[in-house]
Amino acid sequence: MKKKIIAVISGAVILKIAAGSIYGKPESSHKEGEPDVVGTFSVNRDENLTVVANRKNIEDREAFARELLQMYKDDSFHSTKFSTDRGYATSLGMNIYLWKEDIEDK
């Protein structure tokens, strides 16, 4: 009987921990204003990125583009690390959205 109670309590604790890790964290641990890559695909050595700006608007688009290029060169995006095993990209294309939710809305 004691083993059954211990098993039930252990199972409940494990389920609570699992549910907390899934539902307790926000969807993104990114800071507002910190751009990040949410999708990438390559064709030959042409790289295409889907980037979320995580901000309400982009005031200086040229400066923002330079920031993204520097982040790509430094491989400093939070969620994606790029490999140079096949060499560097010959071209880079980016689709940029203000928020992740905007991707579905196009």
PDB file of N, CA and C in Angstrom:
ATOM      1  N   MET A   1       0.809  -1.189   0.000  1.00  0.00           N
ATOM      2  CA  MET A   1       0.000   0.000   0.000  1.00  0.00           C
ATOM      3  C   MET A   1       0.864   1.270   0.000  1.00  0.00           C
ATOM      4  N   LYS A   2       1.935   1.253   0.847  1.00  0.00           N
ATOM      5  CA  LYS A   2       2.826   2.411   0.910  1.00  0.00           C
ATOM      6  C   LYS A   2       3.523   2.629  -0.424  1.00  0.00           C
ATOM      7  N   LYS A   3       3.896   1.552  -1.085  1.00  0.00           N
ATOM      8  CA  LYS A   3       4.573   1.668  -2.388  1.00  0.00           C
ATOM      9  C   LYS A   3       3.644   2.305  -3.419  1.00  0.00           C
ATOM     10  N   LYS A   4       2.373   1.956  -3.338  1.00  0.00           N
ATOM     11  CA  LYS A   4       1.395   2.514  -4.264  1.00  0.00           C
ATOM     12  C   LYS A   4       1.233   4.011  -4.047  1.00  0.00           C
ATOM     13  N   ILE A   5       1.175   4.440  -2.802  1.00  0.00           N
ATOM     14  CA  ILE A   5       1.034   5.854  -2.474  1.00  0.00           C
ATOM     15  C   ILE A   5       2.278   6.618  -2.924  1.00  0.00           C
ATOM     16  N   ILE A   6       3.437   6.051  -2.659  1.00  0.00           N
ATOM     17  CA  ILE A   6       4.692   6.694  -3.074  1.00  0.00           C
ATOM     18  C   ILE A   6       4.752   6.806  -4.593  1.00  0.00           C
ATOM     19  N   ALA A   7       4.326   5.774  -5.301  1.00  0.00           N
ATOM     20  CA  ALA A   7       4.326   5.794  -6.766  1.00  0.00           C
ATOM     21  C   ALA A   7       3.376   6.860  -7.293  1.00  0.00           C
ATOM     22  N   VAL A   8       2.204   6.976  -6.692  1.00  0.00           N
ATOM     23  CA  VAL A   8       1.216   7.974  -7.118  1.00  0.00           C
ATOM     24  C   VAL A   8       1.745   9.382  -6.857  1.00  0.00           C
ATOM     25  N   ILE A   9       2.312   9.597  -5.682  1.00  0.00           N
ATOM     26  CA  ILE A   9       2.860  10.918  -5.356  1.00  0.00           C
ATOM     27  C   ILE A   9       4.026  11.250  -6.278  1.00  0.00           C
ATOM     28  N   SER A  10       4.910  10.290  -6.522  1.00  0.00           N
ATOM     29  CA  SER A  10       6.048  10.515  -7.430  1.00  0.00           C
ATOM     30  C   SER A  10       5.571  10.843  -8.833  1.00  0.00           C
ATOM     31  N   GLY A  11       4.555  10.120  -9.292  1.00  0.00           N
ATOM     32  CA  GLY A  11       4.002  10.387 -10.620  1.00  0.00           C
ATOM     33  C   GLY A  11       3.394  11.778 -10.704  1.00  0.00           C
ATOM     34  N   ALA A  12       2.692  12.185  -9.644  1.00  0.00           N
ATOM     35  CA  ALA A  12       2.089  13.522  -9.630  1.00  0.00           C
ATOM     36  C   ALA A  12       3.159  14.603  -9.647  1.00  0.00           C
ATOM     37  N   VAL A  13       4.238  14.393  -8.893  1.00  0.00           N
ATOM     38  CA  VAL A  13       5.329  15.364  -8.865  1.00  0.00           C
ATOM     39  C   VAL A  13       5.988  15.469 -10.243  1.00  0.00           C
ATOM     40  N   ILE A  14       6.214  14.346 -10.875  1.00  0.00           N
ATOM     41  CA  ILE A  14       6.827  14.346 -12.211  1.00  0.00           C
ATOM     42  C   ILE A  14       5.927  15.057 -13.216  1.00  0.00           C
ATOM     43  N   LEU A  15       4.622  14.786 -13.170  1.00  0.00           N
ATOM     44  CA  LEU A  15       3.685  15.465 -14.068  1.00  0.00           C
ATOM     45  C   LEU A  15       3.651  16.967 -13.816  1.00  0.00           C
ATOM     46  N   LYS A  16       3.699  17.363 -12.547  1.00  0.00           N
ATOM     47  CA  LYS A  16       3.688  18.788 -12.218  1.00  0.00           C
ATOM     48  C   LYS A  16       4.949  19.475 -12.743  1.00  0.00           C
ATOM     49  N   ILE A  17       6.092  18.829 -12.595  1.00  0.00           N
ATOM     50  CA  ILE A  17       7.346  19.402 -13.100  1.00  0.00           C
ATOM     51  C   ILE A  17       7.303  19.501 -14.618  1.00  0.00           C
ATOM     52  N   ALA A  18       6.813  18.461 -15.272  1.00  0.00           N
ATOM     53  CA  ALA A  18       6.732  18.473 -16.731  1.00  0.00           C
ATOM     54  C   ALA A  18       5.774  19.566 -17.214  1.00  0.00           C
ATOM     55  N   ALA A  19       4.619  19.668 -16.585  1.00  0.00           N
ATOM     56  CA  ALA A  19       3.650  20.695 -16.983  1.00  0.00           C
ATOM     57  C   ALA A  19       4.207  22.087 -16.725  1.00  0.00           C
ATOM     58  N   GLY A  20       4.924  22.270 -15.636  1.00  0.00           N
ATOM     59  CA  GLY A  20       5.525  23.566 -15.333  1.00  0.00           C
ATOM     60  C   GLY A  20       6.579  23.949 -16.343  1.00  0.00           C
ATOM     61  N   SER A  21       7.349  22.975 -16.808  1.00  0.00           N
ATOM     62  CA  SER A  21       8.384  23.300 -17.793  1.00  0.00           C
ATOM     63  C   SER A  21       7.780  23.611 -19.159  1.00  0.00           C
ATOM     64  N   ILE A  22       6.632  23.045 -19.451  1.00  0.00           N
ATOM     65  CA  ILE A  22       5.993  23.306 -20.738  1.00  0.00           C
ATOM     66  C   ILE A  22       5.169  24.589 -20.692  1.00  0.00           C
ATOM     67  N   TYR A  23       4.332  24.736 -19.667  1.00  0.00           N
ATOM     68  CA  TYR A  23       3.388  25.848 -19.615  1.00  0.00           C
ATOM     69  C   TYR A  23       3.859  27.022 -18.767  1.00  0.00           C
ATOM     70  N   GLY A  24       4.835  26.807 -17.904  1.00  0.00           N
ATOM     71  CA  GLY A  24       5.248  27.848 -16.985  1.00  0.00           C
ATOM     72  C   GLY A  24       6.165  28.885 -17.591  1.00  0.00           C
ATOM     73  N   LYS A  25       6.862  28.548 -18.654  1.00  0.00           N
ATOM     74  CA  LYS A  25       7.802  29.477 -19.259  1.00  0.00           C
ATOM     75  C   LYS A  25       7.116  30.268 -20.360  1.00  0.00           C
ATOM     76  N   PRO A  26       7.527  31.503 -20.551  1.00  0.00           N
ATOM     77  CA  PRO A  26       6.998  32.246 -21.692  1.00  0.00           C
ATOM     78  C   PRO A  26       7.483  31.600 -22.986  1.00  0.00           C
ATOM     79  N   GLU A  27       6.758  31.844 -24.067  1.00  0.00           N
ATOM     80  CA  GLU A  27       7.095  31.239 -25.351  1.00  0.00           C
ATOM     81  C   GLU A  27       8.506  31.592 -25.794  1.00  0.00           C
ATOM     82  N   SER A  28       8.916  32.791 -25.497  1.00  0.00           N
ATOM     83  CA  SER A  28      10.235  33.232 -25.922  1.00  0.00           C
ATOM     84  C   SER A  28      10.952  33.866 -24.750  1.00  0.00           C
ATOM     85  N   SER A  29      12.232  33.523 -24.612  1.00  0.00           N
ATOM     86  CA  SER A  29      13.009  34.129 -23.540  1.00  0.00           C
ATOM     87  C   SER A  29      13.768  35.337 -24.069  1.00  0.00           C
ATOM     88  N   HIS A  30      13.420  35.798 -25.213  1.00  0.00           N
ATOM     89  CA  HIS A  30      14.111  36.925 -25.836  1.00  0.00           C
ATOM     90  C   HIS A  30      13.636  38.230 -25.233  1.00  0.00           C
ATOM     91  N   LYS A  31      14.509  39.175 -25.265  1.00  0.00           N
ATOM     92  CA  LYS A  31      14.156  40.514 -24.807  1.00  0.00           C
ATOM     93  C   LYS A  31      13.491  41.269 -25.943  1.00  0.00           C
ATOM     94  N   GLU A  32      12.597  42.177 -25.571  1.00  0.00           N
ATOM     95  CA  GLU A  32      12.006  43.025 -26.593  1.00  0.00           C
ATOM     96  C   GLU A  32      13.117  43.864 -27.198  1.00  0.00           C
ATOM     97  N   GLY A  33      13.121  43.947 -28.521  1.00  0.00           N
ATOM     98  CA  GLY A  33      14.141  44.724 -29.215  1.00  0.00           C
ATOM     99  C   GLY A  33      15.326  43.886 -29.665  1.00  0.00           C
ATOM    100  N   GLU A  34      15.404  42.637 -29.240  1.00  0.00           N
ATOM    101  CA  GLU A  34      16.506  41.754 -29.630  1.00  0.00           C
ATOM    102  C   GLU A  34      16.068  40.898 -30.818  1.00  0.00           C
ATOM    103  N   PRO A  35      16.600  41.162 -32.011  1.00  0.00           N
ATOM    104  CA  PRO A  35      16.193  40.366 -33.172  1.00  0.00           C
ATOM    105  C   PRO A  35      16.667  38.925 -33.061  1.00  0.00           C
ATOM    106  N   ASP A  36      15.931  38.027 -33.695  1.00  0.00           N
ATOM    107  CA  ASP A  36      16.332  36.628 -33.687  1.00  0.00           C
ATOM    108  C   ASP A  36      15.830  35.927 -34.940  1.00  0.00           C
ATOM    109  N   VAL A  37      16.526  34.882 -35.318  1.00  0.00           N
ATOM    110  CA  VAL A  37      16.154  34.062 -36.477  1.00  0.00           C
ATOM    111  C   VAL A  37      15.160  33.004 -36.006  1.00  0.00           C
ATOM    112  N   VAL A  38      14.046  32.877 -36.726  1.00  0.00           N
ATOM    113  CA  VAL A  38      13.063  31.851 -36.393  1.00  0.00           C
ATOM    114  C   VAL A  38      12.960  30.793 -37.489  1.00  0.00           C
ATOM    115  N   GLY A  39      13.633  31.020 -38.600  1.00  0.00           N
ATOM    116  CA  GLY A  39      13.626  30.045 -39.676  1.00  0.00           C
ATOM    117  C   GLY A  39      14.775  30.294 -40.630  1.00  0.00           C
ATOM    118  N   THR A  40      15.282  29.219 -41.204  1.00  0.00           N
ATOM    119  CA  THR A  40      16.375  29.348 -42.158  1.00  0.00           C
ATOM    120  C   THR A  40      16.322  28.200 -43.151  1.00  0.00           C
ATOM    121  N   PHE A  41      16.664  28.490 -44.384  1.00  0.00           N
ATOM    122  CA  PHE A  41      16.856  27.419 -45.355  1.00  0.00           C
ATOM    123  C   PHE A  41      17.919  27.846 -46.348  1.00  0.00           C
ATOM    124  N   SER A  42      18.594  26.844 -46.892  1.00  0.00           N
ATOM    125  CA  SER A  42      19.688  27.090 -47.832  1.00  0.00           C
ATOM    126  C   SER A  42      19.420  26.360 -49.127  1.00  0.00           C
ATOM    127  N   VAL A  43      19.785  27.006 -50.215  1.00  0.00           N
ATOM    128  CA  VAL A  43      19.770  26.381 -51.521  1.00  0.00           C
ATOM    129  C   VAL A  43      21.179  26.570 -52.062  1.00  0.00           C
ATOM    130  N   ASN A  44      21.873  25.456 -52.243  1.00  0.00           N
ATOM    131  CA  ASN A  44      23.300  25.490 -52.545  1.00  0.00           C
ATOM    132  C   ASN A  44      23.991  26.272 -51.441  1.00  0.00           C
ATOM    133  N   ARG A  45      24.575  27.406 -51.748  1.00  0.00           N
ATOM    134  CA  ARG A  45      25.206  28.217 -50.702  1.00  0.00           C
ATOM    135  C   ARG A  45      24.498  29.560 -50.546  1.00  0.00           C
ATOM    136  N   ASP A  46      23.253  29.627 -50.971  1.00  0.00           N
ATOM    137  CA  ASP A  46      22.433  30.819 -50.778  1.00  0.00           C
ATOM    138  C   ASP A  46      21.628  30.622 -49.493  1.00  0.00           C
ATOM    139  N   GLU A  47      21.770  31.535 -48.559  1.00  0.00           N
ATOM    140  CA  GLU A  47      21.123  31.434 -47.254  1.00  0.00           C
ATOM    141  C   GLU A  47      19.912  32.356 -47.207  1.00  0.00           C
ATOM    142  N   ASN A  48      18.793  31.847 -46.705  1.00  0.00           N
ATOM    143  CA  ASN A  48      17.559  32.628 -46.548  1.00  0.00           C
ATOM    144  C   ASN A  48      17.097  32.522 -45.111  1.00  0.00           C
ATOM    145  N   LEU A  49      16.876  33.679 -44.482  1.00  0.00           N
ATOM    146  CA  LEU A  49      16.511  33.715 -43.072  1.00  0.00           C
ATOM    147  C   LEU A  49      15.143  34.352 -42.879  1.00  0.00           C
ATOM    148  N   THR A  50      14.428  33.877 -41.892  1.00  0.00           N
ATOM    149  CA  THR A  50      13.231  34.550 -41.417  1.00  0.00           C
ATOM    150  C   THR A  50      13.589  35.115 -40.053  1.00  0.00           C
ATOM    151  N   VAL A  51      13.509  36.441 -39.938  1.00  0.00           N
ATOM    152  CA  VAL A  51      13.959  37.139 -38.740  1.00  0.00           C
ATOM    153  C   VAL A  51      12.781  37.842 -38.075  1.00  0.00           C
ATOM    154  N   VAL A  52      12.739  37.765 -36.753  1.00  0.00           N
ATOM    155  CA  VAL A  52      11.757  38.501 -35.977  1.00  0.00           C
ATOM    156  C   VAL A  52      12.501  39.632 -35.281  1.00  0.00           C
ATOM    157  N   ALA A  53      12.035  40.861 -35.505  1.00  0.00           N
ATOM    158  CA  ALA A  53      12.708  42.036 -34.948  1.00  0.00           C
ATOM    159  C   ALA A  53      12.428  42.204 -33.450  1.00  0.00           C
ATOM    160  N   ASN A  54      11.305  41.686 -32.972  1.00  0.00           N
ATOM    161  CA  ASN A  54      10.899  41.827 -31.570  1.00  0.00           C
ATOM    162  C   ASN A  54      10.828  43.294 -31.146  1.00  0.00           C
ATOM    163  N   ARG A  55      10.196  44.093 -31.967  1.00  0.00           N
ATOM    164  CA  ARG A  55       9.990  45.520 -31.655  1.00  0.00           C
ATOM    165  C   ARG A  55       8.765  46.029 -32.392  1.00  0.00           C
ATOM    166  N   LYS A  56       8.235  47.149 -31.920  1.00  0.00           N
ATOM    167  CA  LYS A  56       7.009  47.707 -32.491  1.00  0.00           C
ATOM    168  C   LYS A  56       7.220  48.291 -33.874  1.00  0.00           C
ATOM    169  N   ASN A  57       8.364  48.906 -34.092  1.00  0.00           N
ATOM    170  CA  ASN A  57       8.677  49.432 -35.425  1.00  0.00           C
ATOM    171  C   ASN A  57      10.189  49.507 -35.601  1.00  0.00           C
ATOM    172  N   ILE A  58      10.589  49.669 -36.843  1.00  0.00           N
ATOM    173  CA  ILE A  58      12.005  49.800 -37.176  1.00  0.00           C
ATOM    174  C   ILE A  58      12.190  51.202 -37.719  1.00  0.00           C
ATOM    175  N   GLU A  59      12.753  52.058 -36.898  1.00  0.00           N
ATOM    176  CA  GLU A  59      12.884  53.470 -37.282  1.00  0.00           C
ATOM    177  C   GLU A  59      13.904  53.667 -38.397  1.00  0.00           C
ATOM    178  N   ASP A  60      15.101  53.135 -38.214  1.00  0.00           N
ATOM    179  CA  ASP A  60      16.168  53.284 -39.200  1.00  0.00           C
ATOM    180  C   ASP A  60      16.442  51.921 -39.828  1.00  0.00           C
ATOM    181  N   ARG A  61      15.840  51.681 -40.968  1.00  0.00           N
ATOM    182  CA  ARG A  61      15.927  50.372 -41.614  1.00  0.00           C
ATOM    183  C   ARG A  61      17.347  50.023 -42.038  1.00  0.00           C
ATOM    184  N   GLU A  62      18.089  51.023 -42.481  1.00  0.00           N
ATOM    185  CA  GLU A  62      19.466  50.763 -42.894  1.00  0.00           C
ATOM    186  C   GLU A  62      20.330  50.330 -41.717  1.00  0.00           C
ATOM    187  N   ALA A  63      20.196  51.019 -40.595  1.00  0.00           N
ATOM    188  CA  ALA A  63      20.956  50.665 -39.396  1.00  0.00           C
ATOM    189  C   ALA A  63      20.547  49.276 -38.901  1.00  0.00           C
ATOM    190  N   PHE A  64      19.251  48.966 -38.989  1.00  0.00           N
ATOM    191  CA  PHE A  64      18.773  47.656 -38.565  1.00  0.00           C
ATOM    192  C   PHE A  64      19.331  46.565 -39.475  1.00  0.00           C
ATOM    193  N   ALA A  65      19.378  46.826 -40.777  1.00  0.00           N
ATOM    194  CA  ALA A  65      19.951  45.858 -41.715  1.00  0.00           C
ATOM    195  C   ALA A  65      21.431  45.622 -41.407  1.00  0.00           C
ATOM    196  N   ARG A  66      22.156  46.705 -41.097  1.00  0.00           N
ATOM    197  CA  ARG A  66      23.574  46.548 -40.725  1.00  0.00           C
ATOM    198  C   ARG A  66      23.720  45.724 -39.450  1.00  0.00           C
ATOM    199  N   GLU A  67      22.823  45.966 -38.486  1.00  0.00           N
ATOM    200  CA  GLU A  67      22.849  45.200 -37.235  1.00  0.00           C
ATOM    201  C   GLU A  67      22.640  43.711 -37.513  1.00  0.00           C
ATOM    202  N   LEU A  68      21.671  43.381 -38.368  1.00  0.00           N
ATOM    203  CA  LEU A  68      21.403  41.981 -38.699  1.00  0.00           C
ATOM    204  C   LEU A  68      22.586  41.349 -39.430  1.00  0.00           C
ATOM    205  N   LEU A  69      23.180  42.091 -40.347  1.00  0.00           N
ATOM    206  CA  LEU A  69      24.351  41.564 -41.052  1.00  0.00           C
ATOM    207  C   LEU A  69      25.498  41.291 -40.081  1.00  0.00           C
ATOM    208  N   GLN A  70      25.705  42.192 -39.137  1.00  0.00           N
ATOM    209  CA  GLN A  70      26.758  41.989 -38.146  1.00  0.00           C
ATOM    210  C   GLN A  70      26.458  40.787 -37.261  1.00  0.00           C
ATOM    211  N   MET A  71      25.200  40.637 -36.875  1.00  0.00           N
ATOM    212  CA  MET A  71      24.818  39.478 -36.073  1.00  0.00           C
ATOM    213  C   MET A  71      25.036  38.188 -36.853  1.00  0.00           C
ATOM    214  N   TYR A  72      24.768  38.224 -38.169  1.00  0.00           N
ATOM    215  CA  TYR A  72      24.996  37.046 -39.003  1.00  0.00           C
ATOM    216  C   TYR A  72      26.494  36.738 -39.073  1.00  0.00           C
ATOM    217  N   LYS A  73      27.300  37.769 -39.296  1.00  0.00           N
ATOM    218  CA  LYS A  73      28.760  37.577 -39.368  1.00  0.00           C
ATOM    219  C   LYS A  73      29.313  37.039 -38.052  1.00  0.00           C
ATOM    220  N   ASP A  74      28.798  37.582 -36.940  1.00  0.00           N
ATOM    221  CA  ASP A  74      29.282  37.164 -35.615  1.00  0.00           C
ATOM    222  C   ASP A  74      28.635  35.866 -35.139  1.00  0.00           C
ATOM    223  N   ASP A  75      27.644  35.375 -35.887  1.00  0.00           N
ATOM    224  CA  ASP A  75      26.881  34.183 -35.514  1.00  0.00           C
ATOM    225  C   ASP A  75      26.321  34.345 -34.094  1.00  0.00           C
ATOM    226  N   SER A  76      25.681  35.494 -33.869  1.00  0.00           N
ATOM    227  CA  SER A  76      25.235  35.827 -32.518  1.00  0.00           C
ATOM    228  C   SER A  76      23.721  35.828 -32.341  1.00  0.00           C
ATOM    229  N   PHE A  77      22.986  35.175 -33.229  1.00  0.00           N
ATOM    230  CA  PHE A  77      21.548  35.038 -33.029  1.00  0.00           C
ATOM    231  C   PHE A  77      21.321  34.043 -31.890  1.00  0.00           C
ATOM    232  N   HIS A  78      20.281  34.284 -31.116  1.00  0.00           N
ATOM    233  CA  HIS A  78      20.012  33.481 -29.919  1.00  0.00           C
ATOM    234  C   HIS A  78      19.648  32.031 -30.263  1.00  0.00           C
ATOM    235  N   SER A  79      18.761  31.839 -31.205  1.00  0.00           N
ATOM    236  CA  SER A  79      18.197  30.505 -31.427  1.00  0.00           C
ATOM    237  C   SER A  79      18.847  29.718 -32.553  1.00  0.00           C
ATOM    238  N   THR A  80      19.715  30.330 -33.333  1.00  0.00           N
ATOM    239  CA  THR A  80      20.290  29.647 -34.487  1.00  0.00           C
ATOM    240  C   THR A  80      21.790  29.870 -34.535  1.00  0.00           C
ATOM    241  N   LYS A  81      22.513  28.809 -34.782  1.00  0.00           N
ATOM    242  CA  LYS A  81      23.949  28.898 -35.009  1.00  0.00           C
ATOM    243  C   LYS A  81      24.216  28.364 -36.413  1.00  0.00           C
ATOM    244  N   PHE A  82      24.995  29.104 -37.174  1.00  0.00           N
ATOM    245  CA  PHE A  82      25.239  28.746 -38.557  1.00  0.00           C
ATOM    246  C   PHE A  82      26.543  27.965 -38.696  1.00  0.00           C
ATOM    247  N   SER A  83      26.541  27.024 -39.611  1.00  0.00           N
ATOM    248  CA  SER A  83      27.727  26.214 -39.875  1.00  0.00           C
ATOM    249  C   SER A  83      28.441  26.740 -41.107  1.00  0.00           C
ATOM    250  N   THR A  84      29.742  26.724 -41.051  1.00  0.00           N
ATOM    251  CA  THR A  84      30.541  27.112 -42.224  1.00  0.00           C
ATOM    252  C   THR A  84      31.281  25.900 -42.770  1.00  0.00           C
ATOM    253  N   ASP A  85      30.785  24.710 -42.460  1.00  0.00           N
ATOM    254  CA  ASP A  85      31.427  23.480 -42.936  1.00  0.00           C
ATOM    255  C   ASP A  85      31.486  23.422 -44.461  1.00  0.00           C
ATOM    256  N   ARG A  86      30.457  23.930 -45.116  1.00  0.00           N
ATOM    257  CA  ARG A  86      30.423  23.928 -46.583  1.00  0.00           C
ATOM    258  C   ARG A  86      30.918  25.249 -47.147  1.00  0.00           C
ATOM    259  N   GLY A  87      31.455  26.099 -46.316  1.00  0.00           N
ATOM    260  CA  GLY A  87      31.904  27.414 -46.753  1.00  0.00           C
ATOM    261  C   GLY A  87      30.882  28.461 -46.359  1.00  0.00           C
ATOM    262  N   TYR A  88      31.183  29.689 -46.691  1.00  0.00           N
ATOM    263  CA  TYR A  88      30.293  30.793 -46.352  1.00  0.00           C
ATOM    264  C   TYR A  88      29.226  30.962 -47.426  1.00  0.00           C
ATOM    265  N   ALA A  89      28.129  31.576 -47.044  1.00  0.00           N
ATOM    266  CA  ALA A  89      27.022  31.811 -47.978  1.00  0.00           C
ATOM    267  C   ALA A  89      27.473  32.745 -49.096  1.00  0.00           C
ATOM    268  N   THR A  90      27.004  32.466 -50.305  1.00  0.00           N
ATOM    269  CA  THR A  90      27.309  33.344 -51.436  1.00  0.00           C
ATOM    270  C   THR A  90      26.286  34.466 -51.538  1.00  0.00           C
ATOM    271  N   SER A  91      25.093  34.257 -50.966  1.00  0.00           N
ATOM    272  CA  SER A  91      24.105  35.334 -50.898  1.00  0.00           C
ATOM    273  C   SER A  91      23.274  35.131 -49.635  1.00  0.00           C
ATOM    274  N   LEU A  92      22.694  36.233 -49.179  1.00  0.00           N
ATOM    275  CA  LEU A  92      21.917  36.197 -47.952  1.00  0.00           C
ATOM    276  C   LEU A  92      20.622  36.965 -48.174  1.00  0.00           C
ATOM    277  N   GLY A  93      19.508  36.293 -47.975  1.00  0.00           N
ATOM    278  CA  GLY A  93      18.195  36.928 -48.080  1.00  0.00           C
ATOM    279  C   GLY A  93      17.501  36.850 -46.730  1.00  0.00           C
ATOM    280  N   MET A  94      16.740  37.886 -46.401  1.00  0.00           N
ATOM    281  CA  MET A  94      16.040  37.903 -45.112  1.00  0.00           C
ATOM    282  C   MET A  94      14.606  38.383 -45.289  1.00  0.00           C
ATOM    283  N   ASN A  95      13.688  37.687 -44.663  1.00  0.00           N
ATOM    284  CA  ASN A  95      12.312  38.151 -44.495  1.00  0.00           C
ATOM    285  C   ASN A  95      12.212  38.587 -43.051  1.00  0.00           C
ATOM    286  N   ILE A  96      11.858  39.851 -42.827  1.00  0.00           N
ATOM    287  CA  ILE A  96      11.865  40.409 -41.479  1.00  0.00           C
ATOM    288  C   ILE A  96      10.450  40.763 -41.055  1.00  0.00           C
ATOM    289  N   TYR A  97      10.081  40.302 -39.863  1.00  0.00           N
ATOM    290  CA  TYR A  97       8.772  40.572 -39.283  1.00  0.00           C
ATOM    291  C   TYR A  97       8.982  41.270 -37.946  1.00  0.00           C
ATOM    292  N   LEU A  98       8.051  42.118 -37.563  1.00  0.00           N
ATOM    293  CA  LEU A  98       8.182  42.813 -36.287  1.00  0.00           C
ATOM    294  C   LEU A  98       8.031  41.851 -35.109  1.00  0.00           C
ATOM    295  N   TRP A  99       7.009  40.991 -35.164  1.00  0.00           N
ATOM    296  CA  TRP A  99       6.730  40.036 -34.093  1.00  0.00           C
ATOM    297  C   TRP A  99       6.524  38.656 -34.686  1.00  0.00           C
ATOM    298  N   LYS A 100       6.731  37.637 -33.893  1.00  0.00           N
ATOM    299  CA  LYS A 100       6.566  36.257 -34.352  1.00  0.00           C
ATOM    300  C   LYS A 100       5.145  35.995 -34.845  1.00  0.00           C
ATOM    301  N   GLU A 101       4.166  36.621 -34.208  1.00  0.00           N
ATOM    302  CA  GLU A 101       2.769  36.435 -34.602  1.00  0.00           C
ATOM    303  C   GLU A 101       2.501  36.970 -36.010  1.00  0.00           C
ATOM    304  N   ASP A 102       3.301  37.927 -36.463  1.00  0.00           N
ATOM    305  CA  ASP A 102       3.105  38.522 -37.782  1.00  0.00           C
ATOM    306  C   ASP A 102       3.454  37.563 -38.913  1.00  0.00           C
ATOM    307  N   ILE A 103       4.225  36.547 -38.630  1.00  0.00           N
ATOM    308  CA  ILE A 103       4.629  35.590 -39.661  1.00  0.00           C
ATOM    309  C   ILE A 103       3.402  34.878 -40.214  1.00  0.00           C
ATOM    310  N   GLU A 104       2.501  34.470 -39.336  1.00  0.00           N
ATOM    311  CA  GLU A 104       1.295  33.785 -39.767  1.00  0.00           C
ATOM    312  C   GLU A 104       0.370  34.697 -40.546  1.00  0.00           C
ATOM    313  N   ASP A 105       0.403  35.991 -40.201  1.00  0.00           N
ATOM    314  CA  ASP A 105      -0.458  36.967 -40.882  1.00  0.00           C
ATOM    315  C   ASP A 105       0.152  37.456 -42.186  1.00  0.00           C
ATOM    316  N   LYS A 106       1.387  37.120 -42.440  1.00  0.00           N
ATOM    317  CA  LYS A 106       2.167  37.559 -43.604  1.00  0.00           C
ATOM    318  C   LYS A 106       2.390  39.055 -43.523  1.00  0.00           C
TER     319      LYS A 106
END
